[in-house]
Amino acid sequence: MRRTIFDTPVVSQVLYAVAWLILRLTGWRKGGSPPDSPKFVLIGAPHTSNWDFIFCLALAFVYRRKIFWMGKDSLFRFPFGPMFRWMGGIPIERSKPHGVVAQTIETFNSTDRLILCIAPEGARKRVQKWKSGFYHVACGAGVPIALGFLDYKQRRGGFGPVFTPSGVFDADMAQIKAFYATITGRHPNQFSTPDETPR
């Protein structure tokens, strides 16, 4: 995979120190440990505020993990496109959901290491259902799913349980639902629960 802000010499070391300081000053702490697998899908939830992105990046530096994330293609237009790509961003066209899943699976299959953070809610505001693309990507690529979280009530963020999807959608989503039932987003009333997700 291409070089990003996480592995740029000097810059990455400086930003590690900045990230550590931000978390220390705001009272945030790490929770859980990342999986040993070199490739996995990382759920980013709850996603209810622009602050989520800042804390996610800070935690990635403190965990010393190179994380890629997906964003709507309009974010990657001039003049900010190169910067967002350098920060690990991968542009997607929301109008082509099935194409995105297939392309993402191919990306996993063509690389030895990839941590891809996906926000199933797809937006900061409350939505009627989660997007299930993250699940289909993990199944198609044969990689585990890590339940990433930002708990604003406890001021903890990091990694929850890790599991390899069984292919039994309802059973796997029940596990995910149970975990996120205990997590509080910055704006709790805007968090959509996994049980609203279709197959």
N, C-alpha and C. Protein backbone atom coordinates (compact mmCIF):
# COMPACT_ATOMS: atom_id res chain seq x y z
N MET A 1 0.84 -1.20 0.00
CA MET A 1 0.00 0.00 0.00
C MET A 1 0.88 1.25 0.00
N ARG A 2 0.31 2.34 -0.42
CA ARG A 2 1.07 3.58 -0.54
C ARG A 2 1.46 4.13 0.83
N ARG A 3 2.45 5.01 0.80
CA ARG A 3 2.90 5.65 2.04
C ARG A 3 1.84 6.64 2.51
N THR A 4 1.63 6.69 3.81
CA THR A 4 0.66 7.60 4.38
C THR A 4 1.31 8.39 5.51
N ILE A 5 0.50 9.19 6.16
CA ILE A 5 0.96 10.00 7.28
C ILE A 5 1.51 9.13 8.41
N PHE A 6 1.04 7.86 8.48
CA PHE A 6 1.45 6.97 9.56
C PHE A 6 2.85 6.43 9.41
N ASP A 7 3.39 6.42 8.19
CA ASP A 7 4.73 5.87 7.99
C ASP A 7 5.66 6.82 7.24
N THR A 8 5.36 8.12 7.28
CA THR A 8 6.24 9.13 6.70
C THR A 8 7.32 9.47 7.72
N PRO A 9 8.60 9.29 7.38
CA PRO A 9 9.68 9.55 8.34
C PRO A 9 9.57 10.93 8.98
N VAL A 10 9.94 11.03 10.23
CA VAL A 10 9.94 12.24 11.04
C VAL A 10 8.51 12.69 11.35
N VAL A 11 7.71 12.89 10.30
CA VAL A 11 6.33 13.37 10.51
C VAL A 11 5.57 12.41 11.42
N SER A 12 5.69 11.11 11.17
CA SER A 12 4.95 10.14 11.97
C SER A 12 5.38 10.18 13.43
N GLN A 13 6.67 10.39 13.69
CA GLN A 13 7.15 10.46 15.07
C GLN A 13 6.63 11.69 15.79
N VAL A 14 6.62 12.81 15.06
CA VAL A 14 6.10 14.05 15.64
C VAL A 14 4.61 13.91 15.95
N LEU A 15 3.87 13.33 15.01
CA LEU A 15 2.43 13.20 15.20
C LEU A 15 2.08 12.16 16.27
N TYR A 16 2.94 11.19 16.47
CA TYR A 16 2.73 10.25 17.58
C TYR A 16 2.75 11.03 18.90
N ALA A 17 3.73 11.92 19.04
CA ALA A 17 3.84 12.71 20.27
C ALA A 17 2.64 13.64 20.41
N VAL A 18 2.21 14.25 19.30
CA VAL A 18 1.05 15.15 19.33
C VAL A 18 -0.21 14.37 19.70
N ALA A 19 -0.38 13.19 19.12
CA ALA A 19 -1.55 12.35 19.41
C ALA A 19 -1.58 11.96 20.88
N TRP A 20 -0.45 11.54 21.39
CA TRP A 20 -0.36 11.16 22.81
C TRP A 20 -0.75 12.34 23.69
N LEU A 21 -0.28 13.54 23.34
CA LEU A 21 -0.57 14.73 24.13
C LEU A 21 -2.06 15.09 24.06
N ILE A 22 -2.65 14.99 22.87
CA ILE A 22 -4.09 15.29 22.71
C ILE A 22 -4.92 14.37 23.59
N LEU A 23 -4.62 13.08 23.54
CA LEU A 23 -5.39 12.12 24.33
C LEU A 23 -5.19 12.37 25.83
N ARG A 24 -3.98 12.69 26.20
CA ARG A 24 -3.68 12.95 27.62
C ARG A 24 -4.43 14.18 28.12
N LEU A 25 -4.41 15.25 27.34
CA LEU A 25 -5.04 16.50 27.76
C LEU A 25 -6.57 16.41 27.78
N THR A 26 -7.13 15.58 26.90
CA THR A 26 -8.59 15.47 26.84
C THR A 26 -9.12 14.33 27.71
N GLY A 27 -8.22 13.61 28.37
CA GLY A 27 -8.65 12.56 29.28
C GLY A 27 -9.00 11.24 28.63
N TRP A 28 -8.63 11.08 27.36
CA TRP A 28 -8.94 9.83 26.67
C TRP A 28 -7.85 8.80 26.93
N ARG A 29 -8.25 7.50 26.89
CA ARG A 29 -7.29 6.42 27.05
C ARG A 29 -7.62 5.27 26.12
N LYS A 30 -6.63 4.43 25.90
CA LYS A 30 -6.82 3.28 25.01
C LYS A 30 -7.66 2.21 25.70
N GLY A 31 -8.37 1.46 24.85
CA GLY A 31 -9.15 0.35 25.36
C GLY A 31 -9.00 -0.85 24.44
N GLY A 32 -8.52 -1.97 24.95
CA GLY A 32 -8.38 -3.17 24.14
C GLY A 32 -7.10 -3.19 23.32
N SER A 33 -6.89 -4.31 22.65
CA SER A 33 -5.69 -4.50 21.83
C SER A 33 -6.07 -4.86 20.41
N PRO A 34 -5.31 -4.38 19.43
CA PRO A 34 -5.60 -4.73 18.03
C PRO A 34 -5.31 -6.20 17.77
N PRO A 35 -6.01 -6.80 16.80
CA PRO A 35 -5.75 -8.21 16.48
C PRO A 35 -4.36 -8.40 15.88
N ASP A 36 -3.87 -9.62 15.97
CA ASP A 36 -2.55 -9.95 15.42
C ASP A 36 -2.58 -10.03 13.89
N SER A 37 -3.75 -10.20 13.32
CA SER A 37 -3.87 -10.36 11.87
C SER A 37 -3.35 -9.13 11.13
N PRO A 38 -2.59 -9.34 10.04
CA PRO A 38 -2.09 -8.21 9.26
C PRO A 38 -3.17 -7.54 8.41
N LYS A 39 -4.30 -8.23 8.25
CA LYS A 39 -5.40 -7.68 7.44
C LYS A 39 -6.72 -7.88 8.17
N PHE A 40 -7.48 -6.81 8.33
CA PHE A 40 -8.80 -6.95 8.92
C PHE A 40 -9.64 -5.70 8.65
N VAL A 41 -10.95 -5.89 8.76
CA VAL A 41 -11.89 -4.78 8.66
C VAL A 41 -12.11 -4.24 10.07
N LEU A 42 -12.00 -2.94 10.23
CA LEU A 42 -12.19 -2.29 11.52
C LEU A 42 -13.47 -1.46 11.48
N ILE A 43 -14.46 -1.84 12.28
CA ILE A 43 -15.69 -1.06 12.35
C ILE A 43 -15.41 0.23 13.10
N GLY A 44 -15.82 1.36 12.54
CA GLY A 44 -15.68 2.65 13.19
C GLY A 44 -17.04 3.11 13.68
N ALA A 45 -17.31 2.95 14.96
CA ALA A 45 -18.63 3.32 15.50
C ALA A 45 -18.48 3.63 17.00
N PRO A 46 -19.40 4.43 17.52
CA PRO A 46 -20.41 5.22 16.81
C PRO A 46 -19.76 6.35 16.01
N HIS A 47 -20.44 6.79 14.96
CA HIS A 47 -19.95 7.91 14.17
C HIS A 47 -21.02 9.00 14.19
N THR A 48 -20.89 9.91 15.14
CA THR A 48 -21.92 10.94 15.33
C THR A 48 -21.37 12.36 15.34
N SER A 49 -20.05 12.51 15.12
CA SER A 49 -19.44 13.84 15.24
C SER A 49 -18.17 13.91 14.39
N ASN A 50 -17.81 15.13 13.98
CA ASN A 50 -16.54 15.33 13.28
C ASN A 50 -15.35 15.02 14.19
N TRP A 51 -15.54 15.10 15.50
CA TRP A 51 -14.47 14.80 16.44
C TRP A 51 -14.05 13.34 16.36
N ASP A 52 -14.93 12.48 15.87
CA ASP A 52 -14.61 11.06 15.76
C ASP A 52 -13.35 10.85 14.93
N PHE A 53 -13.23 11.59 13.85
CA PHE A 53 -12.09 11.45 12.95
C PHE A 53 -10.79 11.83 13.66
N ILE A 54 -10.83 12.91 14.43
CA ILE A 54 -9.64 13.37 15.15
C ILE A 54 -9.18 12.33 16.16
N PHE A 55 -10.12 11.84 16.97
CA PHE A 55 -9.75 10.86 17.99
C PHE A 55 -9.34 9.52 17.37
N CYS A 56 -9.96 9.16 16.25
CA CYS A 56 -9.58 7.92 15.57
C CYS A 56 -8.14 8.00 15.08
N LEU A 57 -7.77 9.12 14.47
CA LEU A 57 -6.39 9.29 14.01
C LEU A 57 -5.41 9.28 15.18
N ALA A 58 -5.77 9.99 16.26
CA ALA A 58 -4.89 10.04 17.43
C ALA A 58 -4.66 8.65 17.99
N LEU A 59 -5.73 7.86 18.10
CA LEU A 59 -5.60 6.51 18.63
C LEU A 59 -4.78 5.62 17.69
N ALA A 60 -4.95 5.81 16.38
CA ALA A 60 -4.17 5.03 15.42
C ALA A 60 -2.67 5.26 15.63
N PHE A 61 -2.29 6.52 15.87
CA PHE A 61 -0.88 6.83 16.11
C PHE A 61 -0.40 6.22 17.42
N VAL A 62 -1.21 6.34 18.46
CA VAL A 62 -0.80 5.82 19.76
C VAL A 62 -0.71 4.29 19.73
N TYR A 63 -1.60 3.64 18.98
CA TYR A 63 -1.52 2.19 18.83
C TYR A 63 -0.43 1.79 17.82
N ARG A 64 0.09 2.81 17.11
CA ARG A 64 1.10 2.58 16.07
C ARG A 64 0.58 1.62 15.00
N ARG A 65 -0.60 1.93 14.49
CA ARG A 65 -1.22 1.14 13.44
C ARG A 65 -1.50 2.04 12.24
N LYS A 66 -1.16 1.54 11.05
CA LYS A 66 -1.42 2.25 9.80
C LYS A 66 -2.83 1.90 9.35
N ILE A 67 -3.73 2.85 9.48
CA ILE A 67 -5.14 2.60 9.20
C ILE A 67 -5.61 3.37 7.97
N PHE A 68 -6.31 2.67 7.10
CA PHE A 68 -6.93 3.30 5.95
C PHE A 68 -8.43 3.46 6.23
N TRP A 69 -9.03 4.45 5.63
CA TRP A 69 -10.44 4.71 5.85
C TRP A 69 -11.10 5.10 4.54
N MET A 70 -12.41 4.94 4.47
CA MET A 70 -13.15 5.23 3.25
C MET A 70 -14.00 6.48 3.45
N GLY A 71 -14.04 7.32 2.42
CA GLY A 71 -14.83 8.55 2.49
C GLY A 71 -15.47 8.84 1.14
N LYS A 72 -16.51 9.64 1.16
CA LYS A 72 -17.19 9.99 -0.09
C LYS A 72 -16.23 10.70 -1.02
N ASP A 73 -16.35 10.44 -2.31
CA ASP A 73 -15.38 10.93 -3.28
C ASP A 73 -15.28 12.44 -3.33
N SER A 74 -16.33 13.15 -2.92
CA SER A 74 -16.30 14.62 -2.96
C SER A 74 -15.25 15.18 -2.01
N LEU A 75 -14.88 14.42 -0.98
CA LEU A 75 -13.85 14.88 -0.04
C LEU A 75 -12.47 14.93 -0.69
N PHE A 76 -12.29 14.18 -1.78
CA PHE A 76 -10.96 14.02 -2.36
C PHE A 76 -10.74 14.91 -3.58
N ARG A 77 -11.60 15.89 -3.76
CA ARG A 77 -11.42 16.82 -4.86
C ARG A 77 -10.39 17.89 -4.49
N PHE A 78 -9.93 18.59 -5.49
CA PHE A 78 -8.98 19.68 -5.28
C PHE A 78 -9.59 20.72 -4.34
N PRO A 79 -8.83 21.26 -3.38
CA PRO A 79 -7.38 21.10 -3.20
C PRO A 79 -6.99 20.10 -2.11
N PHE A 80 -7.98 19.46 -1.48
CA PHE A 80 -7.67 18.64 -0.31
C PHE A 80 -7.45 17.15 -0.61
N GLY A 81 -7.72 16.74 -1.85
CA GLY A 81 -7.61 15.33 -2.20
C GLY A 81 -6.29 14.69 -1.83
N PRO A 82 -5.14 15.24 -2.26
CA PRO A 82 -3.85 14.63 -1.93
C PRO A 82 -3.62 14.52 -0.42
N MET A 83 -4.07 15.51 0.33
CA MET A 83 -3.88 15.49 1.79
C MET A 83 -4.68 14.35 2.42
N PHE A 84 -5.94 14.19 2.00
CA PHE A 84 -6.78 13.13 2.57
C PHE A 84 -6.24 11.75 2.20
N ARG A 85 -5.71 11.60 0.99
CA ARG A 85 -5.12 10.32 0.60
C ARG A 85 -3.88 10.02 1.45
N TRP A 86 -3.09 11.05 1.69
CA TRP A 86 -1.89 10.91 2.52
C TRP A 86 -2.29 10.51 3.95
N MET A 87 -3.47 10.93 4.37
CA MET A 87 -3.96 10.60 5.71
C MET A 87 -4.63 9.23 5.75
N GLY A 88 -4.53 8.48 4.65
CA GLY A 88 -5.07 7.12 4.62
C GLY A 88 -6.43 7.00 3.98
N GLY A 89 -6.91 8.07 3.38
CA GLY A 89 -8.24 8.05 2.80
C GLY A 89 -8.33 7.33 1.47
N ILE A 90 -9.44 6.63 1.28
CA ILE A 90 -9.74 5.96 0.02
C ILE A 90 -11.09 6.46 -0.46
N PRO A 91 -11.14 7.15 -1.60
CA PRO A 91 -12.42 7.69 -2.07
C PRO A 91 -13.36 6.60 -2.57
N ILE A 92 -14.65 6.75 -2.29
CA ILE A 92 -15.64 5.80 -2.78
C ILE A 92 -16.81 6.56 -3.41
N GLU A 93 -17.46 5.90 -4.36
CA GLU A 93 -18.66 6.44 -4.97
C GLU A 93 -19.86 5.75 -4.33
N ARG A 94 -20.62 6.48 -3.53
CA ARG A 94 -21.74 5.88 -2.82
C ARG A 94 -22.84 5.40 -3.75
N SER A 95 -22.85 5.90 -4.98
CA SER A 95 -23.89 5.50 -5.93
C SER A 95 -23.66 4.10 -6.47
N LYS A 96 -22.48 3.49 -6.17
CA LYS A 96 -22.16 2.16 -6.67
C LYS A 96 -21.74 1.25 -5.52
N PRO A 97 -22.69 0.92 -4.62
CA PRO A 97 -22.34 0.15 -3.43
C PRO A 97 -21.76 -1.23 -3.71
N HIS A 98 -22.32 -1.98 -4.68
CA HIS A 98 -21.82 -3.32 -4.96
C HIS A 98 -20.43 -3.27 -5.58
N GLY A 99 -20.19 -2.26 -6.43
CA GLY A 99 -18.88 -2.11 -7.02
C GLY A 99 -17.83 -1.81 -5.97
N VAL A 100 -18.20 -1.03 -4.97
CA VAL A 100 -17.28 -0.69 -3.89
C VAL A 100 -16.88 -1.95 -3.12
N VAL A 101 -17.83 -2.81 -2.81
CA VAL A 101 -17.54 -4.04 -2.08
C VAL A 101 -16.57 -4.91 -2.88
N ALA A 102 -16.83 -5.10 -4.17
CA ALA A 102 -15.97 -5.94 -5.00
C ALA A 102 -14.56 -5.35 -5.10
N GLN A 103 -14.46 -4.05 -5.28
CA GLN A 103 -13.16 -3.40 -5.39
C GLN A 103 -12.39 -3.50 -4.08
N THR A 104 -13.11 -3.38 -2.96
CA THR A 104 -12.46 -3.45 -1.66
C THR A 104 -11.93 -4.86 -1.39
N ILE A 105 -12.70 -5.87 -1.77
CA ILE A 105 -12.24 -7.25 -1.63
C ILE A 105 -10.99 -7.47 -2.45
N GLU A 106 -10.97 -6.95 -3.66
CA GLU A 106 -9.80 -7.09 -4.52
C GLU A 106 -8.59 -6.40 -3.90
N THR A 107 -8.80 -5.27 -3.27
CA THR A 107 -7.71 -4.56 -2.61
C THR A 107 -7.13 -5.41 -1.49
N PHE A 108 -7.99 -6.03 -0.70
CA PHE A 108 -7.51 -6.92 0.37
C PHE A 108 -6.72 -8.09 -0.22
N ASN A 109 -7.22 -8.65 -1.31
CA ASN A 109 -6.58 -9.82 -1.90
C ASN A 109 -5.23 -9.50 -2.55
N SER A 110 -5.03 -8.25 -2.89
CA SER A 110 -3.81 -7.88 -3.61
C SER A 110 -2.72 -7.28 -2.71
N THR A 111 -2.94 -7.29 -1.40
CA THR A 111 -1.94 -6.74 -0.50
C THR A 111 -1.72 -7.65 0.69
N ASP A 112 -0.54 -7.56 1.29
CA ASP A 112 -0.21 -8.40 2.44
C ASP A 112 -0.67 -7.81 3.76
N ARG A 113 -0.83 -6.50 3.80
CA ARG A 113 -1.22 -5.83 5.05
C ARG A 113 -2.24 -4.75 4.74
N LEU A 114 -3.34 -4.75 5.47
CA LEU A 114 -4.35 -3.70 5.29
C LEU A 114 -5.31 -3.69 6.47
N ILE A 115 -5.37 -2.56 7.14
CA ILE A 115 -6.39 -2.32 8.16
C ILE A 115 -7.31 -1.26 7.58
N LEU A 116 -8.55 -1.64 7.30
CA LEU A 116 -9.49 -0.73 6.67
C LEU A 116 -10.62 -0.40 7.63
N CYS A 117 -10.71 0.86 8.02
CA CYS A 117 -11.76 1.31 8.94
C CYS A 117 -12.99 1.73 8.13
N ILE A 118 -14.13 1.15 8.47
CA ILE A 118 -15.38 1.45 7.78
C ILE A 118 -16.42 1.85 8.82
N ALA A 119 -17.10 2.97 8.58
CA ALA A 119 -18.19 3.42 9.46
C ALA A 119 -19.51 2.94 8.86
N PRO A 120 -20.12 1.88 9.41
CA PRO A 120 -21.34 1.32 8.83
C PRO A 120 -22.51 2.28 8.79
N GLU A 121 -22.51 3.29 9.66
CA GLU A 121 -23.61 4.25 9.64
C GLU A 121 -23.58 5.10 8.37
N GLY A 122 -22.38 5.33 7.85
CA GLY A 122 -22.25 6.06 6.60
C GLY A 122 -22.41 7.56 6.70
N ALA A 123 -22.83 8.06 7.86
CA ALA A 123 -23.04 9.50 8.03
C ALA A 123 -23.05 9.81 9.52
N ARG A 124 -22.82 11.09 9.87
CA ARG A 124 -22.82 11.47 11.28
C ARG A 124 -24.23 11.55 11.85
N LYS A 125 -25.20 11.89 11.03
CA LYS A 125 -26.57 11.97 11.52
C LYS A 125 -27.17 10.57 11.62
N ARG A 126 -28.25 10.45 12.37
CA ARG A 126 -28.90 9.16 12.54
C ARG A 126 -29.46 8.68 11.20
N VAL A 127 -29.24 7.41 10.91
CA VAL A 127 -29.74 6.81 9.68
C VAL A 127 -30.69 5.66 10.05
N GLN A 128 -31.47 5.22 9.10
CA GLN A 128 -32.45 4.17 9.37
C GLN A 128 -31.81 2.81 9.52
N LYS A 129 -30.66 2.61 8.90
CA LYS A 129 -30.01 1.30 8.98
C LYS A 129 -28.52 1.43 8.72
N TRP A 130 -27.78 0.47 9.25
CA TRP A 130 -26.36 0.38 8.96
C TRP A 130 -26.17 -0.14 7.54
N LYS A 131 -25.09 0.27 6.89
CA LYS A 131 -24.71 -0.32 5.61
C LYS A 131 -23.97 -1.62 5.92
N SER A 132 -24.32 -2.68 5.23
CA SER A 132 -23.75 -3.99 5.54
C SER A 132 -22.52 -4.33 4.70
N GLY A 133 -21.99 -3.35 3.94
CA GLY A 133 -20.84 -3.60 3.09
C GLY A 133 -19.63 -4.12 3.86
N PHE A 134 -19.41 -3.61 5.08
CA PHE A 134 -18.26 -4.04 5.87
C PHE A 134 -18.28 -5.55 6.09
N TYR A 135 -19.48 -6.09 6.30
CA TYR A 135 -19.64 -7.53 6.55
C TYR A 135 -19.33 -8.33 5.29
N HIS A 136 -19.87 -7.88 4.17
CA HIS A 136 -19.66 -8.59 2.91
C HIS A 136 -18.20 -8.51 2.46
N VAL A 137 -17.54 -7.39 2.76
CA VAL A 137 -16.11 -7.27 2.44
C VAL A 137 -15.31 -8.29 3.25
N ALA A 138 -15.57 -8.36 4.55
CA ALA A 138 -14.84 -9.30 5.41
C ALA A 138 -15.06 -10.74 4.97
N CYS A 139 -16.31 -11.08 4.65
CA CYS A 139 -16.62 -12.45 4.19
C CYS A 139 -15.92 -12.74 2.87
N GLY A 140 -16.00 -11.81 1.93
CA GLY A 140 -15.43 -12.03 0.61
C GLY A 140 -13.92 -12.09 0.62
N ALA A 141 -13.29 -11.31 1.49
CA ALA A 141 -11.82 -11.29 1.56
C ALA A 141 -11.27 -12.31 2.54
N GLY A 142 -12.16 -12.92 3.34
CA GLY A 142 -11.70 -13.91 4.31
C GLY A 142 -10.86 -13.31 5.42
N VAL A 143 -11.25 -12.10 5.88
CA VAL A 143 -10.51 -11.43 6.94
C VAL A 143 -11.41 -11.22 8.16
N PRO A 144 -10.82 -11.10 9.34
CA PRO A 144 -11.63 -10.89 10.54
C PRO A 144 -12.19 -9.46 10.62
N ILE A 145 -13.14 -9.30 11.51
CA ILE A 145 -13.74 -7.99 11.80
C ILE A 145 -13.37 -7.61 13.22
N ALA A 146 -12.81 -6.42 13.38
CA ALA A 146 -12.50 -5.89 14.71
C ALA A 146 -13.52 -4.81 15.04
N LEU A 147 -14.07 -4.84 16.23
CA LEU A 147 -15.08 -3.87 16.63
C LEU A 147 -14.39 -2.66 17.26
N GLY A 148 -14.10 -1.67 16.42
CA GLY A 148 -13.49 -0.45 16.91
C GLY A 148 -14.55 0.41 17.57
N PHE A 149 -14.13 1.24 18.52
CA PHE A 149 -15.13 2.06 19.22
C PHE A 149 -14.53 3.35 19.76
N LEU A 150 -15.41 4.34 19.93
CA LEU A 150 -15.11 5.58 20.61
C LEU A 150 -16.23 5.79 21.63
N ASP A 151 -15.92 5.61 22.89
CA ASP A 151 -16.92 5.76 23.96
C ASP A 151 -16.70 7.10 24.65
N TYR A 152 -17.54 8.07 24.32
CA TYR A 152 -17.37 9.41 24.86
C TYR A 152 -17.73 9.49 26.34
N LYS A 153 -18.59 8.61 26.80
CA LYS A 153 -18.96 8.61 28.21
C LYS A 153 -17.79 8.18 29.08
N GLN A 154 -17.10 7.13 28.66
CA GLN A 154 -15.95 6.62 29.41
C GLN A 154 -14.64 7.24 28.96
N ARG A 155 -14.68 7.98 27.85
CA ARG A 155 -13.47 8.56 27.24
C ARG A 155 -12.43 7.47 26.96
N ARG A 156 -12.90 6.42 26.33
CA ARG A 156 -12.04 5.31 25.93
C ARG A 156 -12.28 5.02 24.46
N GLY A 157 -11.22 4.63 23.77
CA GLY A 157 -11.35 4.29 22.37
C GLY A 157 -10.33 3.23 22.00
N GLY A 158 -10.70 2.40 21.04
CA GLY A 158 -9.75 1.37 20.64
C GLY A 158 -10.42 0.17 20.02
N PHE A 159 -10.06 -1.01 20.53
CA PHE A 159 -10.49 -2.26 19.92
C PHE A 159 -11.30 -3.11 20.89
N GLY A 160 -12.48 -3.52 20.42
CA GLY A 160 -13.29 -4.45 21.18
C GLY A 160 -13.03 -5.86 20.67
N PRO A 161 -14.04 -6.73 20.74
CA PRO A 161 -13.87 -8.13 20.29
C PRO A 161 -13.49 -8.21 18.81
N VAL A 162 -12.82 -9.29 18.47
CA VAL A 162 -12.43 -9.58 17.09
C VAL A 162 -12.97 -10.96 16.73
N PHE A 163 -13.62 -11.07 15.57
CA PHE A 163 -14.11 -12.39 15.17
C PHE A 163 -14.10 -12.52 13.66
N THR A 164 -14.02 -13.75 13.20
CA THR A 164 -14.11 -14.04 11.77
C THR A 164 -15.57 -14.31 11.46
N PRO A 165 -16.17 -13.56 10.53
CA PRO A 165 -17.59 -13.76 10.24
C PRO A 165 -17.89 -15.19 9.83
N SER A 166 -18.99 -15.72 10.36
CA SER A 166 -19.36 -17.10 10.11
C SER A 166 -20.13 -17.27 8.81
N GLY A 167 -20.66 -16.15 8.28
CA GLY A 167 -21.52 -16.24 7.11
C GLY A 167 -22.98 -16.30 7.50
N VAL A 168 -23.22 -16.50 8.81
CA VAL A 168 -24.59 -16.48 9.34
C VAL A 168 -24.85 -15.05 9.81
N PHE A 169 -25.45 -14.26 8.95
CA PHE A 169 -25.55 -12.82 9.18
C PHE A 169 -26.21 -12.48 10.51
N ASP A 170 -27.36 -13.05 10.79
CA ASP A 170 -28.10 -12.70 12.01
C ASP A 170 -27.30 -12.99 13.27
N ALA A 171 -26.63 -14.13 13.30
CA ALA A 171 -25.85 -14.50 14.48
C ALA A 171 -24.67 -13.55 14.69
N ASP A 172 -23.98 -13.22 13.61
CA ASP A 172 -22.84 -12.32 13.72
C ASP A 172 -23.28 -10.91 14.12
N MET A 173 -24.38 -10.44 13.55
CA MET A 173 -24.86 -9.10 13.88
C MET A 173 -25.34 -9.03 15.32
N ALA A 174 -25.81 -10.14 15.87
CA ALA A 174 -26.22 -10.16 17.28
C ALA A 174 -25.03 -9.89 18.18
N GLN A 175 -23.86 -10.44 17.83
CA GLN A 175 -22.65 -10.19 18.60
C GLN A 175 -22.25 -8.71 18.53
N ILE A 176 -22.34 -8.17 17.33
CA ILE A 176 -21.98 -6.77 17.13
C ILE A 176 -22.94 -5.86 17.91
N LYS A 177 -24.24 -6.16 17.82
CA LYS A 177 -25.24 -5.36 18.52
C LYS A 177 -25.00 -5.36 20.03
N ALA A 178 -24.70 -6.53 20.58
CA ALA A 178 -24.49 -6.65 22.02
C ALA A 178 -23.31 -5.78 22.48
N PHE A 179 -22.26 -5.74 21.67
CA PHE A 179 -21.10 -4.93 22.06
C PHE A 179 -21.41 -3.44 22.02
N TYR A 180 -22.00 -2.97 20.93
CA TYR A 180 -22.22 -1.53 20.78
C TYR A 180 -23.36 -1.01 21.64
N ALA A 181 -24.14 -1.89 22.24
CA ALA A 181 -25.20 -1.45 23.15
C ALA A 181 -24.62 -0.76 24.38
N THR A 182 -23.35 -1.01 24.67
CA THR A 182 -22.71 -0.44 25.86
C THR A 182 -21.86 0.79 25.53
N ILE A 183 -21.81 1.19 24.26
CA ILE A 183 -20.93 2.27 23.83
C ILE A 183 -21.75 3.55 23.61
N THR A 184 -21.21 4.68 24.06
CA THR A 184 -21.90 5.96 23.95
C THR A 184 -21.15 6.90 23.02
N GLY A 185 -21.81 7.35 21.96
CA GLY A 185 -21.21 8.29 21.03
C GLY A 185 -21.26 9.72 21.57
N ARG A 186 -20.64 10.64 20.87
CA ARG A 186 -20.65 12.04 21.30
C ARG A 186 -22.09 12.57 21.32
N HIS A 187 -22.88 12.18 20.34
CA HIS A 187 -24.29 12.55 20.28
C HIS A 187 -25.10 11.25 20.26
N PRO A 188 -25.41 10.71 21.43
CA PRO A 188 -26.05 9.39 21.51
C PRO A 188 -27.34 9.25 20.71
N ASN A 189 -28.12 10.32 20.61
CA ASN A 189 -29.39 10.23 19.89
C ASN A 189 -29.20 10.11 18.38
N GLN A 190 -27.96 10.25 17.90
CA GLN A 190 -27.71 10.13 16.48
C GLN A 190 -27.08 8.78 16.10
N PHE A 191 -26.91 7.92 17.09
CA PHE A 191 -26.28 6.62 16.84
C PHE A 191 -27.34 5.61 16.44
N SER A 192 -27.18 5.03 15.25
CA SER A 192 -28.09 3.99 14.77
C SER A 192 -27.55 2.63 15.20
N THR A 193 -28.40 1.78 15.75
CA THR A 193 -27.95 0.49 16.25
C THR A 193 -27.88 -0.56 15.14
N PRO A 194 -27.00 -1.56 15.30
CA PRO A 194 -26.83 -2.58 14.25
C PRO A 194 -28.08 -3.37 13.92
N ASP A 195 -29.05 -3.48 14.85
CA ASP A 195 -30.22 -4.29 14.58
C ASP A 195 -31.11 -3.69 13.50
N GLU A 196 -30.77 -2.47 13.06
CA GLU A 196 -31.52 -1.85 11.99
C GLU A 196 -30.91 -2.15 10.63
N THR A 197 -29.92 -3.04 10.61
CA THR A 197 -29.19 -3.35 9.39
C THR A 197 -29.87 -4.47 8.60
N PRO A 198 -30.08 -4.28 7.28
CA PRO A 198 -30.66 -5.34 6.46
C PRO A 198 -29.60 -6.33 6.03
N ARG A 199 -30.00 -7.48 5.51
CA ARG A 199 -29.04 -8.43 4.92
C ARG A 199 -28.50 -7.86 3.62
